[in-house]
Amino acid sequence: MPEITVSDTLYRQLVSVSDGEQLDETMWKMVAHYGRGNNPGD
């Protein structure tokens, strides 16, 4: 799994929205949501 560097503010937001899930799982959901919003014809 590649590593990314994020600001402390973004990290705190990710932890907040993860609601007890693993951060990896939360980030994959965010990526999928972004992809659906930006490629609606796929």
PDB file of N, CA and C in Angstrom:
ATOM      1  N   MET A   1       0.854  -1.168   0.000  1.00  0.00           N
ATOM      2  CA  MET A   1       0.000   0.000   0.000  1.00  0.00           C
ATOM      3  C   MET A   1       0.899   1.229   0.000  1.00  0.00           C
ATOM      4  N   PRO A   2       0.670   2.158  -0.917  1.00  0.00           N
ATOM      5  CA  PRO A   2       1.481   3.379  -0.936  1.00  0.00           C
ATOM      6  C   PRO A   2       1.182   4.254   0.281  1.00  0.00           C
ATOM      7  N   GLU A   3       2.144   5.051   0.633  1.00  0.00           N
ATOM      8  CA  GLU A   3       1.969   5.989   1.739  1.00  0.00           C
ATOM      9  C   GLU A   3       1.687   7.369   1.180  1.00  0.00           C
ATOM     10  N   ILE A   4       0.843   8.115   1.889  1.00  0.00           N
ATOM     11  CA  ILE A   4       0.603   9.509   1.541  1.00  0.00           C
ATOM     12  C   ILE A   4       0.856  10.351   2.783  1.00  0.00           C
ATOM     13  N   THR A   5       1.181  11.594   2.571  1.00  0.00           N
ATOM     14  CA  THR A   5       1.383  12.528   3.670  1.00  0.00           C
ATOM     15  C   THR A   5       0.248  13.543   3.637  1.00  0.00           C
ATOM     16  N   VAL A   6      -0.409  13.719   4.771  1.00  0.00           N
ATOM     17  CA  VAL A   6      -1.514  14.672   4.859  1.00  0.00           C
ATOM     18  C   VAL A   6      -1.262  15.614   6.029  1.00  0.00           C
ATOM     19  N   SER A   7      -1.913  16.751   5.974  1.00  0.00           N
ATOM     20  CA  SER A   7      -1.777  17.722   7.059  1.00  0.00           C
ATOM     21  C   SER A   7      -2.464  17.190   8.315  1.00  0.00           C
ATOM     22  N   ASP A   8      -2.112  17.759   9.443  1.00  0.00           N
ATOM     23  CA  ASP A   8      -2.745  17.366  10.705  1.00  0.00           C
ATOM     24  C   ASP A   8      -4.247  17.612  10.662  1.00  0.00           C
ATOM     25  N   THR A   9      -4.648  18.719  10.043  1.00  0.00           N
ATOM     26  CA  THR A   9      -6.071  19.051   9.950  1.00  0.00           C
ATOM     27  C   THR A   9      -6.824  17.991   9.158  1.00  0.00           C
ATOM     28  N   LEU A  10      -6.290  17.600   8.008  1.00  0.00           N
ATOM     29  CA  LEU A  10      -6.941  16.574   7.197  1.00  0.00           C
ATOM     30  C   LEU A  10      -6.957  15.239   7.933  1.00  0.00           C
ATOM     31  N   TYR A  11      -5.885  14.908   8.610  1.00  0.00           N
ATOM     32  CA  TYR A  11      -5.837  13.656   9.372  1.00  0.00           C
ATOM     33  C   TYR A  11      -6.933  13.631  10.437  1.00  0.00           C
ATOM     34  N   ARG A  12      -7.100  14.725  11.153  1.00  0.00           N
ATOM     35  CA  ARG A  12      -8.147  14.793  12.182  1.00  0.00           C
ATOM     36  C   ARG A  12      -9.533  14.651  11.558  1.00  0.00           C
ATOM     37  N   GLN A  13      -9.737  15.232  10.370  1.00  0.00           N
ATOM     38  CA  GLN A  13     -11.020  15.086   9.680  1.00  0.00           C
ATOM     39  C   GLN A  13     -11.262  13.631   9.294  1.00  0.00           C
ATOM     40  N   LEU A  14     -10.235  12.956   8.799  1.00  0.00           N
ATOM     41  CA  LEU A  14     -10.367  11.545   8.432  1.00  0.00           C
ATOM     42  C   LEU A  14     -10.715  10.691   9.643  1.00  0.00           C
ATOM     43  N   VAL A  15     -10.047  10.936  10.750  1.00  0.00           N
ATOM     44  CA  VAL A  15     -10.329  10.184  11.976  1.00  0.00           C
ATOM     45  C   VAL A  15     -11.769  10.442  12.415  1.00  0.00           C
ATOM     46  N   SER A  16     -12.208  11.683  12.305  1.00  0.00           N
ATOM     47  CA  SER A  16     -13.562  12.039  12.714  1.00  0.00           C
ATOM     48  C   SER A  16     -14.618  11.320  11.881  1.00  0.00           C
ATOM     49  N   VAL A  17     -14.455  11.295  10.565  1.00  0.00           N
ATOM     50  CA  VAL A  17     -15.461  10.661   9.702  1.00  0.00           C
ATOM     51  C   VAL A  17     -15.325   9.147   9.655  1.00  0.00           C
ATOM     52  N   SER A  18     -14.203   8.601  10.122  1.00  0.00           N
ATOM     53  CA  SER A  18     -14.028   7.149  10.077  1.00  0.00           C
ATOM     54  C   SER A  18     -14.981   6.439  11.033  1.00  0.00           C
ATOM     55  N   ASP A  19     -15.427   7.124  12.074  1.00  0.00           N
ATOM     56  CA  ASP A  19     -16.437   6.599  12.992  1.00  0.00           C
ATOM     57  C   ASP A  19     -16.114   5.185  13.466  1.00  0.00           C
ATOM     58  N   GLY A  20     -14.871   4.974  13.872  1.00  0.00           N
ATOM     59  CA  GLY A  20     -14.462   3.688  14.418  1.00  0.00           C
ATOM     60  C   GLY A  20     -13.934   2.691  13.398  1.00  0.00           C
ATOM     61  N   GLU A  21     -14.067   2.989  12.096  1.00  0.00           N
ATOM     62  CA  GLU A  21     -13.516   2.109  11.062  1.00  0.00           C
ATOM     63  C   GLU A  21     -12.015   2.330  10.960  1.00  0.00           C
ATOM     64  N   GLN A  22     -11.355   1.415  10.274  1.00  0.00           N
ATOM     65  CA  GLN A  22      -9.949   1.618   9.944  1.00  0.00           C
ATOM     66  C   GLN A  22      -9.854   2.789   8.967  1.00  0.00           C
ATOM     67  N   LEU A  23      -8.813   3.589   9.082  1.00  0.00           N
ATOM     68  CA  LEU A  23      -8.654   4.734   8.182  1.00  0.00           C
ATOM     69  C   LEU A  23      -8.532   4.297   6.729  1.00  0.00           C
ATOM     70  N   ASP A  24      -7.887   3.162   6.475  1.00  0.00           N
ATOM     71  CA  ASP A  24      -7.774   2.666   5.098  1.00  0.00           C
ATOM     72  C   ASP A  24      -9.154   2.456   4.487  1.00  0.00           C
ATOM     73  N   GLU A  25     -10.047   1.844   5.248  1.00  0.00           N
ATOM     74  CA  GLU A  25     -11.407   1.579   4.755  1.00  0.00           C
ATOM     75  C   GLU A  25     -12.135   2.889   4.462  1.00  0.00           C
ATOM     76  N   THR A  26     -11.997   3.854   5.348  1.00  0.00           N
ATOM     77  CA  THR A  26     -12.631   5.155   5.150  1.00  0.00           C
ATOM     78  C   THR A  26     -12.093   5.834   3.900  1.00  0.00           C
ATOM     79  N   MET A  27     -10.788   5.778   3.707  1.00  0.00           N
ATOM     80  CA  MET A  27     -10.197   6.428   2.535  1.00  0.00           C
ATOM     81  C   MET A  27     -10.636   5.752   1.244  1.00  0.00           C
ATOM     82  N   TRP A  28     -10.744   4.407   1.231  1.00  0.00           N
ATOM     83  CA  TRP A  28     -11.213   3.716   0.022  1.00  0.00           C
ATOM     84  C   TRP A  28     -12.651   4.103  -0.295  1.00  0.00           C
ATOM     85  N   LYS A  29     -13.481   4.266   0.725  1.00  0.00           N
ATOM     86  CA  LYS A  29     -14.860   4.705   0.500  1.00  0.00           C
ATOM     87  C   LYS A  29     -14.882   6.114  -0.091  1.00  0.00           C
ATOM     88  N   MET A  30     -14.010   6.986   0.414  1.00  0.00           N
ATOM     89  CA  MET A  30     -13.943   8.349  -0.114  1.00  0.00           C
ATOM     90  C   MET A  30     -13.498   8.346  -1.574  1.00  0.00           C
ATOM     91  N   VAL A  31     -12.529   7.512  -1.907  1.00  0.00           N
ATOM     92  CA  VAL A  31     -12.052   7.412  -3.292  1.00  0.00           C
ATOM     93  C   VAL A  31     -13.177   6.918  -4.194  1.00  0.00           C
ATOM     94  N   ALA A  32     -13.910   5.906  -3.757  1.00  0.00           N
ATOM     95  CA  ALA A  32     -15.022   5.378  -4.551  1.00  0.00           C
ATOM     96  C   ALA A  32     -16.102   6.436  -4.738  1.00  0.00           C
ATOM     97  N   HIS A  33     -16.406   7.168  -3.682  1.00  0.00           N
ATOM     98  CA  HIS A  33     -17.412   8.232  -3.764  1.00  0.00           C
ATOM     99  C   HIS A  33     -16.964   9.319  -4.736  1.00  0.00           C
ATOM    100  N   TYR A  34     -15.717   9.701  -4.667  1.00  0.00           N
ATOM    101  CA  TYR A  34     -15.168  10.703  -5.581  1.00  0.00           C
ATOM    102  C   TYR A  34     -15.251  10.206  -7.020  1.00  0.00           C
ATOM    103  N   GLY A  35     -14.890   8.960  -7.247  1.00  0.00           N
ATOM    104  CA  GLY A  35     -14.923   8.394  -8.592  1.00  0.00           C
ATOM    105  C   GLY A  35     -16.321   8.374  -9.178  1.00  0.00           C
ATOM    106  N   ARG A  36     -17.308   8.019  -8.371  1.00  0.00           N
ATOM    107  CA  ARG A  36     -18.692   8.000  -8.856  1.00  0.00           C
ATOM    108  C   ARG A  36     -19.162   9.401  -9.198  1.00  0.00           C
ATOM    109  N   GLY A  37     -18.757  10.377  -8.412  1.00  0.00           N
ATOM    110  CA  GLY A  37     -19.183  11.750  -8.655  1.00  0.00           C
ATOM    111  C   GLY A  37     -18.528  12.372  -9.867  1.00  0.00           C
ATOM    112  N   ASN A  38     -17.349  11.906 -10.221  1.00  0.00           N
ATOM    113  CA  ASN A  38     -16.622  12.507 -11.328  1.00  0.00           C
ATOM    114  C   ASN A  38     -16.652  11.681 -12.606  1.00  0.00           C
ATOM    115  N   ASN A  39     -17.200  10.478 -12.551  1.00  0.00           N
ATOM    116  CA  ASN A  39     -17.338   9.625 -13.733  1.00  0.00           C
ATOM    117  C   ASN A  39     -18.729   8.998 -13.745  1.00  0.00           C
ATOM    118  N   PRO A  40     -19.781   9.817 -13.802  1.00  0.00           N
ATOM    119  CA  PRO A  40     -21.130   9.262 -13.664  1.00  0.00           C
ATOM    120  C   PRO A  40     -21.533   8.313 -14.787  1.00  0.00           C
ATOM    121  N   GLY A  41     -20.870   8.369 -15.943  1.00  0.00           N
ATOM    122  CA  GLY A  41     -21.233   7.503 -17.058  1.00  0.00           C
ATOM    123  C   GLY A  41     -20.618   6.127 -16.994  1.00  0.00           C
ATOM    124  N   ASP A  42     -19.710   5.895 -16.071  1.00  0.00           N
ATOM    125  CA  ASP A  42     -19.030   4.591 -15.989  1.00  0.00           C
ATOM    126  C   ASP A  42     -19.872   3.558 -15.298  1.00  0.00           C
TER     127      ASP A  42
END
